[in-house]
Amino acid sequence: MQNNAAEKLLENCRICPRRCGVDRLSGQTGYCGLDGRAYFYRELLNPFEEKILSPSHQLYAAGCNMRCCYCSVGEWNVEPISAGMLSEREIIKSIDIRRRQGALNLNLLGGEPAVSIAGIIELLGKIKTMPKIVWNSNMYYLPVIWPLLEGFVDIYLADFKCYAPECCENILDAGDYCDYAESNILRAAETADVIIRHVVLPGHFDCCTRPILDWVRRRLAKVKLSLWYSYIPPSGSINCPGGYLSQDEKECITEYSQKLELNYTLM
């Protein structure tokens, strides 16, 4: 695998649209909070991912290039280096154990795995029997890492979060998110299987969900689409929706997806 090329990106970090330009190899950190290493804080066998992925061995990498206000693992992204982490030996052992327990794949997520690309490549290079790799990502990264991803990713689990620029800015702290998500999802579909996952936010049908569904129908009509109705409002957030998805909203979204003849499942 191309670990040298991945490390080179960290010298003047330009992995994601933040373009922090810090020298992570020398210990500097940018928006994602990471230096030159990858930090993994959790692994588990998850039977509740999309049906074709489950059971899935999830391996969580700390650090993220967005600040989603409803993130359930935000504490691992703000200060990723100071948190307690799994050792490389523990991770490699867990991959073998989870495979024997029935894992269909190794599901790389975070945070955002793209900002840990060098460490992920280094880790995968030490695995004797390579599992099927799922890249579970917010898709907010620059094209410079595509030659690296295409060397090992089997399935892209692309989390298409928001659409309207103001929603992307307020909810994700990334006003330009949509442009990069769209281009990266299209690129992913050229090289591997893709599942687009969209967590539906209450009150965001017109500004986010409907435009995302329209885009999928227009650009990738046959791609697998996973609609999650499981949003949980975070406490104390100003920018995130404060309630739960209503039954009327669920029915509206389901009917619209059927109208567009999308290849969707409900989660």
C-alpha atoms as a PDB file:
ATOM      1  CA  MET A   1       0.000   0.000   0.000  1.00  0.00           C
ATOM      2  CA  GLN A   2       1.081   3.579  -0.628  1.00  0.00           C
ATOM      3  CA  ASN A   3       1.986   4.617   2.897  1.00  0.00           C
ATOM      4  CA  ASN A   4       4.791   6.957   1.804  1.00  0.00           C
ATOM      5  CA  ALA A   5       2.387   8.876  -0.435  1.00  0.00           C
ATOM      6  CA  ALA A   6      -0.128   9.122   2.405  1.00  0.00           C
ATOM      7  CA  GLU A   7       2.470  10.425   4.853  1.00  0.00           C
ATOM      8  CA  LYS A   8       3.605  12.997   2.315  1.00  0.00           C
ATOM      9  CA  LEU A   9       0.134  14.571   2.466  1.00  0.00           C
ATOM     10  CA  LEU A  10       0.619  15.217   6.182  1.00  0.00           C
ATOM     11  CA  GLU A  11       3.709  17.403   5.791  1.00  0.00           C
ATOM     12  CA  ASN A  12       1.557  20.318   4.628  1.00  0.00           C
ATOM     13  CA  CYS A  13      -1.818  18.795   5.361  1.00  0.00           C
ATOM     14  CA  ARG A  14      -4.183  19.056   2.420  1.00  0.00           C
ATOM     15  CA  ILE A  15      -6.340  15.980   2.856  1.00  0.00           C
ATOM     16  CA  CYS A  16      -9.633  17.802   3.271  1.00  0.00           C
ATOM     17  CA  PRO A  17     -11.147  21.117   2.115  1.00  0.00           C
ATOM     18  CA  ARG A  18      -9.968  22.797   5.331  1.00  0.00           C
ATOM     19  CA  ARG A  19      -6.446  22.821   3.820  1.00  0.00           C
ATOM     20  CA  CYS A  20      -4.942  23.533   7.251  1.00  0.00           C
ATOM     21  CA  GLY A  21      -1.400  23.311   5.887  1.00  0.00           C
ATOM     22  CA  VAL A  22       0.088  22.158   9.204  1.00  0.00           C
ATOM     23  CA  ASP A  23       2.993  19.725   9.424  1.00  0.00           C
ATOM     24  CA  ARG A  24       1.322  16.832  11.164  1.00  0.00           C
ATOM     25  CA  LEU A  25       4.437  14.678  10.896  1.00  0.00           C
ATOM     26  CA  SER A  26       6.229  17.068  13.240  1.00  0.00           C
ATOM     27  CA  GLY A  27       3.349  17.008  15.739  1.00  0.00           C
ATOM     28  CA  GLN A  28       1.342  20.009  14.578  1.00  0.00           C
ATOM     29  CA  THR A  29      -2.428  19.649  14.545  1.00  0.00           C
ATOM     30  CA  GLY A  30      -5.124  21.317  12.481  1.00  0.00           C
ATOM     31  CA  TYR A  31      -8.918  21.320  12.573  1.00  0.00           C
ATOM     32  CA  CYS A  32      -9.165  17.524  12.958  1.00  0.00           C
ATOM     33  CA  GLY A  33      -6.918  17.584  16.035  1.00  0.00           C
ATOM     34  CA  LEU A  34      -4.608  14.855  14.714  1.00  0.00           C
ATOM     35  CA  ASP A  35      -0.856  14.702  14.369  1.00  0.00           C
ATOM     36  CA  GLY A  36       0.864  12.175  12.110  1.00  0.00           C
ATOM     37  CA  ARG A  37      -0.630   9.081  13.743  1.00  0.00           C
ATOM     38  CA  ALA A  38      -4.013   7.405  13.600  1.00  0.00           C
ATOM     39  CA  TYR A  39      -5.775   6.890  16.913  1.00  0.00           C
ATOM     40  CA  PHE A  40      -8.376   4.130  17.204  1.00  0.00           C
ATOM     41  CA  TYR A  41     -10.614   4.210  20.266  1.00  0.00           C
ATOM     42  CA  ARG A  42     -13.314   1.564  19.759  1.00  0.00           C
ATOM     43  CA  GLU A  43     -13.986  -1.686  17.943  1.00  0.00           C
ATOM     44  CA  LEU A  44     -17.133  -3.786  17.974  1.00  0.00           C
ATOM     45  CA  LEU A  45     -19.185  -6.278  16.003  1.00  0.00           C
ATOM     46  CA  ASN A  46     -22.335  -4.452  14.891  1.00  0.00           C
ATOM     47  CA  PRO A  47     -25.323  -6.500  13.678  1.00  0.00           C
ATOM     48  CA  PHE A  48     -27.400  -3.373  13.004  1.00  0.00           C
ATOM     49  CA  GLU A  49     -25.716  -1.791  10.001  1.00  0.00           C
ATOM     50  CA  GLU A  50     -27.332  -2.059   6.568  1.00  0.00           C
ATOM     51  CA  LYS A  51     -28.427  -5.642   5.934  1.00  0.00           C
ATOM     52  CA  ILE A  52     -25.827  -6.390   3.266  1.00  0.00           C
ATOM     53  CA  LEU A  53     -23.055  -5.223   5.625  1.00  0.00           C
ATOM     54  CA  SER A  54     -24.127  -6.926   8.847  1.00  0.00           C
ATOM     55  CA  PRO A  55     -22.600  -8.155  10.998  1.00  0.00           C
ATOM     56  CA  SER A  56     -19.901  -5.557  10.490  1.00  0.00           C
ATOM     57  CA  HIS A  57     -16.655  -5.130  12.419  1.00  0.00           C
ATOM     58  CA  GLN A  58     -16.526  -1.412  13.154  1.00  0.00           C
ATOM     59  CA  LEU A  59     -13.199   0.227  13.905  1.00  0.00           C
ATOM     60  CA  TYR A  60     -13.488   3.837  15.076  1.00  0.00           C
ATOM     61  CA  ALA A  61     -10.745   6.353  14.309  1.00  0.00           C
ATOM     62  CA  ALA A  62     -10.580   9.523  16.413  1.00  0.00           C
ATOM     63  CA  GLY A  63     -10.523  12.986  14.852  1.00  0.00           C
ATOM     64  CA  CYS A  64     -12.862  14.605  12.351  1.00  0.00           C
ATOM     65  CA  ASN A  65     -12.881  17.403   9.794  1.00  0.00           C
ATOM     66  CA  MET A  66     -16.469  18.413  10.608  1.00  0.00           C
ATOM     67  CA  ARG A  67     -18.385  19.250  13.788  1.00  0.00           C
ATOM     68  CA  CYS A  68     -21.843  17.776  13.292  1.00  0.00           C
ATOM     69  CA  CYS A  69     -23.936  19.159  16.120  1.00  0.00           C
ATOM     70  CA  TYR A  70     -25.741  15.816  16.549  1.00  0.00           C
ATOM     71  CA  CYS A  71     -22.592  13.653  16.557  1.00  0.00           C
ATOM     72  CA  SER A  72     -22.804  10.822  19.084  1.00  0.00           C
ATOM     73  CA  VAL A  73     -19.012  10.455  19.404  1.00  0.00           C
ATOM     74  CA  GLY A  74     -18.015  14.118  19.417  1.00  0.00           C
ATOM     75  CA  GLU A  75     -15.831  13.757  22.515  1.00  0.00           C
ATOM     76  CA  TRP A  76     -13.396  11.628  20.507  1.00  0.00           C
ATOM     77  CA  ASN A  77     -13.090  14.262  17.785  1.00  0.00           C
ATOM     78  CA  VAL A  78     -12.420  17.460  19.725  1.00  0.00           C
ATOM     79  CA  GLU A  79      -9.308  16.198  21.527  1.00  0.00           C
ATOM     80  CA  PRO A  80      -8.481  12.881  19.840  1.00  0.00           C
ATOM     81  CA  ILE A  81      -4.847  12.598  20.919  1.00  0.00           C
ATOM     82  CA  SER A  82      -5.469  12.877  24.658  1.00  0.00           C
ATOM     83  CA  ALA A  83      -8.041  10.076  24.755  1.00  0.00           C
ATOM     84  CA  GLY A  84      -7.283   6.461  25.639  1.00  0.00           C
ATOM     85  CA  MET A  85      -6.684   4.445  22.487  1.00  0.00           C
ATOM     86  CA  LEU A  86      -6.432   0.853  21.308  1.00  0.00           C
ATOM     87  CA  SER A  87      -2.970  -0.487  20.585  1.00  0.00           C
ATOM     88  CA  GLU A  88      -2.046  -1.780  17.150  1.00  0.00           C
ATOM     89  CA  ARG A  89      -1.670  -5.259  18.607  1.00  0.00           C
ATOM     90  CA  GLU A  90      -5.191  -5.127  20.094  1.00  0.00           C
ATOM     91  CA  ILE A  91      -6.668  -4.009  16.790  1.00  0.00           C
ATOM     92  CA  ILE A  92      -4.991  -6.706  14.705  1.00  0.00           C
ATOM     93  CA  LYS A  93      -6.074  -9.349  17.210  1.00  0.00           C
ATOM     94  CA  SER A  94      -9.649  -8.013  17.176  1.00  0.00           C
ATOM     95  CA  ILE A  95      -9.834  -8.263  13.376  1.00  0.00           C
ATOM     96  CA  ASP A  96      -9.113 -11.980  13.575  1.00  0.00           C
ATOM     97  CA  ILE A  97     -11.545 -12.489  16.456  1.00  0.00           C
ATOM     98  CA  ARG A  98     -14.378 -10.589  14.762  1.00  0.00           C
ATOM     99  CA  ARG A  99     -13.856 -12.504  11.519  1.00  0.00           C
ATOM    100  CA  ARG A 100     -14.290 -15.778  13.409  1.00  0.00           C
ATOM    101  CA  GLN A 101     -17.399 -14.333  15.044  1.00  0.00           C
ATOM    102  CA  GLY A 102     -18.933 -13.774  11.615  1.00  0.00           C
ATOM    103  CA  ALA A 103     -17.899 -10.262  10.564  1.00  0.00           C
ATOM    104  CA  LEU A 104     -18.485  -9.743   6.840  1.00  0.00           C
ATOM    105  CA  ASN A 105     -16.135  -6.779   6.618  1.00  0.00           C
ATOM    106  CA  LEU A 106     -13.917  -4.288   8.409  1.00  0.00           C
ATOM    107  CA  ASN A 107     -15.867  -1.034   8.674  1.00  0.00           C
ATOM    108  CA  LEU A 108     -13.567   2.002   8.991  1.00  0.00           C
ATOM    109  CA  LEU A 109     -15.303   5.002  10.521  1.00  0.00           C
ATOM    110  CA  GLY A 110     -14.832   7.751  13.077  1.00  0.00           C
ATOM    111  CA  GLY A 111     -14.869  10.702  13.243  1.00  0.00           C
ATOM    112  CA  GLU A 112     -13.778  10.765   9.664  1.00  0.00           C
ATOM    113  CA  PRO A 113     -11.372   8.050   8.465  1.00  0.00           C
ATOM    114  CA  ALA A 114      -9.940  10.208   5.646  1.00  0.00           C
ATOM    115  CA  VAL A 115      -7.984  12.375   8.082  1.00  0.00           C
ATOM    116  CA  SER A 116      -6.336   9.183   9.403  1.00  0.00           C
ATOM    117  CA  ILE A 117      -5.533   7.797   5.966  1.00  0.00           C
ATOM    118  CA  ALA A 118      -1.787   7.344   6.564  1.00  0.00           C
ATOM    119  CA  GLY A 119      -2.281   5.439   9.816  1.00  0.00           C
ATOM    120  CA  ILE A 120      -5.052   3.315   8.320  1.00  0.00           C
ATOM    121  CA  ILE A 121      -2.848   2.282   5.405  1.00  0.00           C
ATOM    122  CA  GLU A 122      -0.025   1.444   7.806  1.00  0.00           C
ATOM    123  CA  LEU A 123      -2.362  -0.690   9.915  1.00  0.00           C
ATOM    124  CA  LEU A 124      -3.891  -2.547   6.965  1.00  0.00           C
ATOM    125  CA  GLY A 125      -0.420  -3.325   5.675  1.00  0.00           C
ATOM    126  CA  LYS A 126       0.163  -5.448   8.783  1.00  0.00           C
ATOM    127  CA  ILE A 127      -2.951  -7.596   8.423  1.00  0.00           C
ATOM    128  CA  LYS A 128      -2.172 -11.052   7.033  1.00  0.00           C
ATOM    129  CA  THR A 129      -5.607 -11.808   5.593  1.00  0.00           C
ATOM    130  CA  MET A 130      -7.261  -8.654   4.289  1.00  0.00           C
ATOM    131  CA  PRO A 131     -11.010  -8.471   5.034  1.00  0.00           C
ATOM    132  CA  LYS A 132     -13.482  -6.679   2.794  1.00  0.00           C
ATOM    133  CA  ILE A 133     -13.062  -2.976   3.596  1.00  0.00           C
ATOM    134  CA  VAL A 134     -15.995  -0.601   4.118  1.00  0.00           C
ATOM    135  CA  TRP A 135     -15.101   3.114   3.962  1.00  0.00           C
ATOM    136  CA  ASN A 136     -17.704   4.704   6.251  1.00  0.00           C
ATOM    137  CA  SER A 137     -17.207   8.390   5.533  1.00  0.00           C
ATOM    138  CA  ASN A 138     -18.704  11.872   5.455  1.00  0.00           C
ATOM    139  CA  MET A 139     -17.067  12.161   1.983  1.00  0.00           C
ATOM    140  CA  TYR A 140     -15.593  15.566   2.842  1.00  0.00           C
ATOM    141  CA  TYR A 141     -12.083  15.263   1.442  1.00  0.00           C
ATOM    142  CA  LEU A 142      -9.982  16.363  -1.506  1.00  0.00           C
ATOM    143  CA  PRO A 143      -9.317  14.301  -4.675  1.00  0.00           C
ATOM    144  CA  VAL A 144      -5.671  13.945  -3.676  1.00  0.00           C
ATOM    145  CA  ILE A 145      -6.452  10.870  -1.571  1.00  0.00           C
ATOM    146  CA  TRP A 146      -8.383   8.998  -4.245  1.00  0.00           C
ATOM    147  CA  PRO A 147      -5.358   7.057  -5.555  1.00  0.00           C
ATOM    148  CA  LEU A 148      -4.860   5.802  -1.996  1.00  0.00           C
ATOM    149  CA  LEU A 149      -8.472   4.788  -1.391  1.00  0.00           C
ATOM    150  CA  GLU A 150      -8.799   2.948  -4.678  1.00  0.00           C
ATOM    151  CA  GLY A 151      -6.054   0.624  -3.535  1.00  0.00           C
ATOM    152  CA  PHE A 152      -8.057  -1.021  -0.762  1.00  0.00           C
ATOM    153  CA  VAL A 153     -11.722   0.091  -0.426  1.00  0.00           C
ATOM    154  CA  ASP A 154     -14.382  -2.443  -1.459  1.00  0.00           C
ATOM    155  CA  ILE A 155     -17.552  -0.604  -0.390  1.00  0.00           C
ATOM    156  CA  TYR A 156     -18.157   3.096   0.191  1.00  0.00           C
ATOM    157  CA  LEU A 157     -20.737   3.815   2.876  1.00  0.00           C
ATOM    158  CA  ALA A 158     -21.221   7.476   2.014  1.00  0.00           C
ATOM    159  CA  ASP A 159     -22.974   9.581   4.612  1.00  0.00           C
ATOM    160  CA  PHE A 160     -24.745  12.357   2.692  1.00  0.00           C
ATOM    161  CA  LYS A 161     -25.693  14.602   5.604  1.00  0.00           C
ATOM    162  CA  CYS A 162     -27.134  17.964   4.477  1.00  0.00           C
ATOM    163  CA  TYR A 163     -27.686  19.850   1.248  1.00  0.00           C
ATOM    164  CA  ALA A 164     -28.467  23.553   1.676  1.00  0.00           C
ATOM    165  CA  PRO A 165     -25.249  25.568   2.285  1.00  0.00           C
ATOM    166  CA  GLU A 166     -26.693  27.277   5.351  1.00  0.00           C
ATOM    167  CA  CYS A 167     -27.614  23.903   6.866  1.00  0.00           C
ATOM    168  CA  CYS A 168     -24.162  22.548   6.087  1.00  0.00           C
ATOM    169  CA  GLU A 169     -22.598  25.573   7.771  1.00  0.00           C
ATOM    170  CA  ASN A 170     -24.819  25.605  10.835  1.00  0.00           C
ATOM    171  CA  ILE A 171     -25.137  21.873  11.442  1.00  0.00           C
ATOM    172  CA  LEU A 172     -21.804  20.536  10.130  1.00  0.00           C
ATOM    173  CA  ASP A 173     -19.531  23.608  10.321  1.00  0.00           C
ATOM    174  CA  ALA A 174     -18.767  23.035   6.636  1.00  0.00           C
ATOM    175  CA  GLY A 175     -20.675  25.334   4.292  1.00  0.00           C
ATOM    176  CA  ASP A 176     -19.055  23.802   1.207  1.00  0.00           C
ATOM    177  CA  TYR A 177     -19.809  20.226   2.283  1.00  0.00           C
ATOM    178  CA  CYS A 178     -22.367  19.397  -0.390  1.00  0.00           C
ATOM    179  CA  ASP A 179     -20.107  20.125  -3.378  1.00  0.00           C
ATOM    180  CA  TYR A 180     -17.399  17.785  -2.107  1.00  0.00           C
ATOM    181  CA  ALA A 181     -19.835  15.078  -1.013  1.00  0.00           C
ATOM    182  CA  GLU A 182     -21.440  15.017  -4.453  1.00  0.00           C
ATOM    183  CA  SER A 183     -18.169  14.819  -6.391  1.00  0.00           C
ATOM    184  CA  ASN A 184     -16.691  12.179  -4.085  1.00  0.00           C
ATOM    185  CA  ILE A 185     -19.793   9.989  -4.182  1.00  0.00           C
ATOM    186  CA  LEU A 186     -19.756  10.095  -7.975  1.00  0.00           C
ATOM    187  CA  ARG A 187     -16.062   9.171  -8.007  1.00  0.00           C
ATOM    188  CA  ALA A 188     -16.678   6.337  -5.552  1.00  0.00           C
ATOM    189  CA  ALA A 189     -19.415   4.912  -7.777  1.00  0.00           C
ATOM    190  CA  GLU A 190     -16.899   4.608 -10.608  1.00  0.00           C
ATOM    191  CA  THR A 191     -14.583   2.343  -8.637  1.00  0.00           C
ATOM    192  CA  ALA A 192     -16.573   0.306  -6.097  1.00  0.00           C
ATOM    193  CA  ASP A 193     -19.994  -0.467  -4.629  1.00  0.00           C
ATOM    194  CA  VAL A 194     -21.649   2.507  -2.958  1.00  0.00           C
ATOM    195  CA  ILE A 195     -24.335   2.826  -0.306  1.00  0.00           C
ATOM    196  CA  ILE A 196     -25.537   6.373   0.313  1.00  0.00           C
ATOM    197  CA  ARG A 197     -26.709   6.837   3.876  1.00  0.00           C
ATOM    198  CA  HIS A 198     -28.866   9.821   4.817  1.00  0.00           C
ATOM    199  CA  VAL A 199     -29.915  10.466   8.409  1.00  0.00           C
ATOM    200  CA  VAL A 200     -33.137  12.427   8.000  1.00  0.00           C
ATOM    201  CA  LEU A 201     -33.329  15.546  10.147  1.00  0.00           C
ATOM    202  CA  PRO A 202     -36.724  16.781  11.341  1.00  0.00           C
ATOM    203  CA  GLY A 203     -37.832  19.950   9.609  1.00  0.00           C
ATOM    204  CA  HIS A 204     -35.221  19.610   6.841  1.00  0.00           C
ATOM    205  CA  PHE A 205     -37.196  17.930   4.068  1.00  0.00           C
ATOM    206  CA  ASP A 206     -37.350  20.905   1.689  1.00  0.00           C
ATOM    207  CA  CYS A 207     -33.815  22.191   2.292  1.00  0.00           C
ATOM    208  CA  CYS A 208     -31.890  18.913   2.589  1.00  0.00           C
ATOM    209  CA  THR A 209     -33.683  15.572   2.216  1.00  0.00           C
ATOM    210  CA  ARG A 210     -35.678  16.299  -0.939  1.00  0.00           C
ATOM    211  CA  PRO A 211     -32.697  17.855  -2.796  1.00  0.00           C
ATOM    212  CA  ILE A 212     -30.548  14.870  -1.813  1.00  0.00           C
ATOM    213  CA  LEU A 213     -33.161  12.415  -3.076  1.00  0.00           C
ATOM    214  CA  ASP A 214     -33.538  14.428  -6.286  1.00  0.00           C
ATOM    215  CA  TRP A 215     -29.758  14.415  -6.791  1.00  0.00           C
ATOM    216  CA  VAL A 216     -29.542  10.669  -6.258  1.00  0.00           C
ATOM    217  CA  ARG A 217     -32.335  10.097  -8.784  1.00  0.00           C
ATOM    218  CA  ARG A 218     -30.669  12.413 -11.294  1.00  0.00           C
ATOM    219  CA  ARG A 219     -27.073  11.206 -10.969  1.00  0.00           C
ATOM    220  CA  LEU A 220     -27.096   7.695  -9.443  1.00  0.00           C
ATOM    221  CA  ALA A 221     -30.605   6.354  -9.832  1.00  0.00           C
ATOM    222  CA  LYS A 222     -29.713   2.704  -9.173  1.00  0.00           C
ATOM    223  CA  VAL A 223     -27.346   3.212  -6.234  1.00  0.00           C
ATOM    224  CA  LYS A 224     -28.338   1.737  -2.868  1.00  0.00           C
ATOM    225  CA  LEU A 225     -29.850   4.416  -0.637  1.00  0.00           C
ATOM    226  CA  SER A 226     -30.244   3.965   3.104  1.00  0.00           C
ATOM    227  CA  LEU A 227     -32.666   6.348   4.836  1.00  0.00           C
ATOM    228  CA  TRP A 228     -32.257   6.510   8.603  1.00  0.00           C
ATOM    229  CA  TYR A 229     -35.257   7.659  10.646  1.00  0.00           C
ATOM    230  CA  SER A 230     -33.341   7.328  13.924  1.00  0.00           C
ATOM    231  CA  TYR A 231     -32.290  10.937  14.584  1.00  0.00           C
ATOM    232  CA  ILE A 232     -31.946  11.740  18.291  1.00  0.00           C
ATOM    233  CA  PRO A 233     -31.897  15.449  19.197  1.00  0.00           C
ATOM    234  CA  PRO A 234     -28.791  16.412  21.176  1.00  0.00           C
ATOM    235  CA  SER A 235     -29.189  18.280  24.423  1.00  0.00           C
ATOM    236  CA  GLY A 236     -28.050  21.885  24.521  1.00  0.00           C
ATOM    237  CA  SER A 237     -27.519  22.328  20.775  1.00  0.00           C
ATOM    238  CA  ILE A 238     -28.564  25.615  19.218  1.00  0.00           C
ATOM    239  CA  ASN A 239     -28.257  24.620  15.569  1.00  0.00           C
ATOM    240  CA  CYS A 240     -29.640  21.079  15.553  1.00  0.00           C
ATOM    241  CA  PRO A 241     -33.353  20.234  15.347  1.00  0.00           C
ATOM    242  CA  GLY A 242     -34.719  19.885  18.850  1.00  0.00           C
ATOM    243  CA  GLY A 243     -37.369  17.258  18.196  1.00  0.00           C
ATOM    244  CA  TYR A 244     -37.826  13.848  16.642  1.00  0.00           C
ATOM    245  CA  LEU A 245     -38.939  12.974  13.134  1.00  0.00           C
ATOM    246  CA  SER A 246     -42.737  12.937  12.990  1.00  0.00           C
ATOM    247  CA  GLN A 247     -44.811  10.152  11.494  1.00  0.00           C
ATOM    248  CA  ASP A 248     -46.071  12.571   8.843  1.00  0.00           C
ATOM    249  CA  GLU A 249     -42.479  13.401   7.853  1.00  0.00           C
ATOM    250  CA  LYS A 250     -41.579   9.715   7.634  1.00  0.00           C
ATOM    251  CA  GLU A 251     -44.565   8.988   5.409  1.00  0.00           C
ATOM    252  CA  CYS A 252     -43.818  11.992   3.192  1.00  0.00           C
ATOM    253  CA  ILE A 253     -40.202  10.933   2.682  1.00  0.00           C
ATOM    254  CA  THR A 254     -41.142   7.310   2.022  1.00  0.00           C
ATOM    255  CA  GLU A 255     -43.772   8.339  -0.525  1.00  0.00           C
ATOM    256  CA  TYR A 256     -41.350  10.696  -2.259  1.00  0.00           C
ATOM    257  CA  SER A 257     -38.675   8.004  -2.458  1.00  0.00           C
ATOM    258  CA  GLN A 258     -41.203   5.644  -4.006  1.00  0.00           C
ATOM    259  CA  LYS A 259     -42.286   8.308  -6.469  1.00  0.00           C
ATOM    260  CA  LEU A 260     -38.674   8.717  -7.611  1.00  0.00           C
ATOM    261  CA  GLU A 261     -38.318   4.916  -7.851  1.00  0.00           C
ATOM    262  CA  LEU A 262     -35.171   4.965  -5.735  1.00  0.00           C
ATOM    263  CA  ASN A 263     -33.412   1.817  -4.604  1.00  0.00           C
ATOM    264  CA  TYR A 264     -33.899   2.605  -0.929  1.00  0.00           C
ATOM    265  CA  THR A 265     -34.207   0.883   2.441  1.00  0.00           C
ATOM    266  CA  LEU A 266     -35.460   2.322   5.711  1.00  0.00           C
ATOM    267  CA  MET A 267     -33.427   2.093   8.889  1.00  0.00           C
END
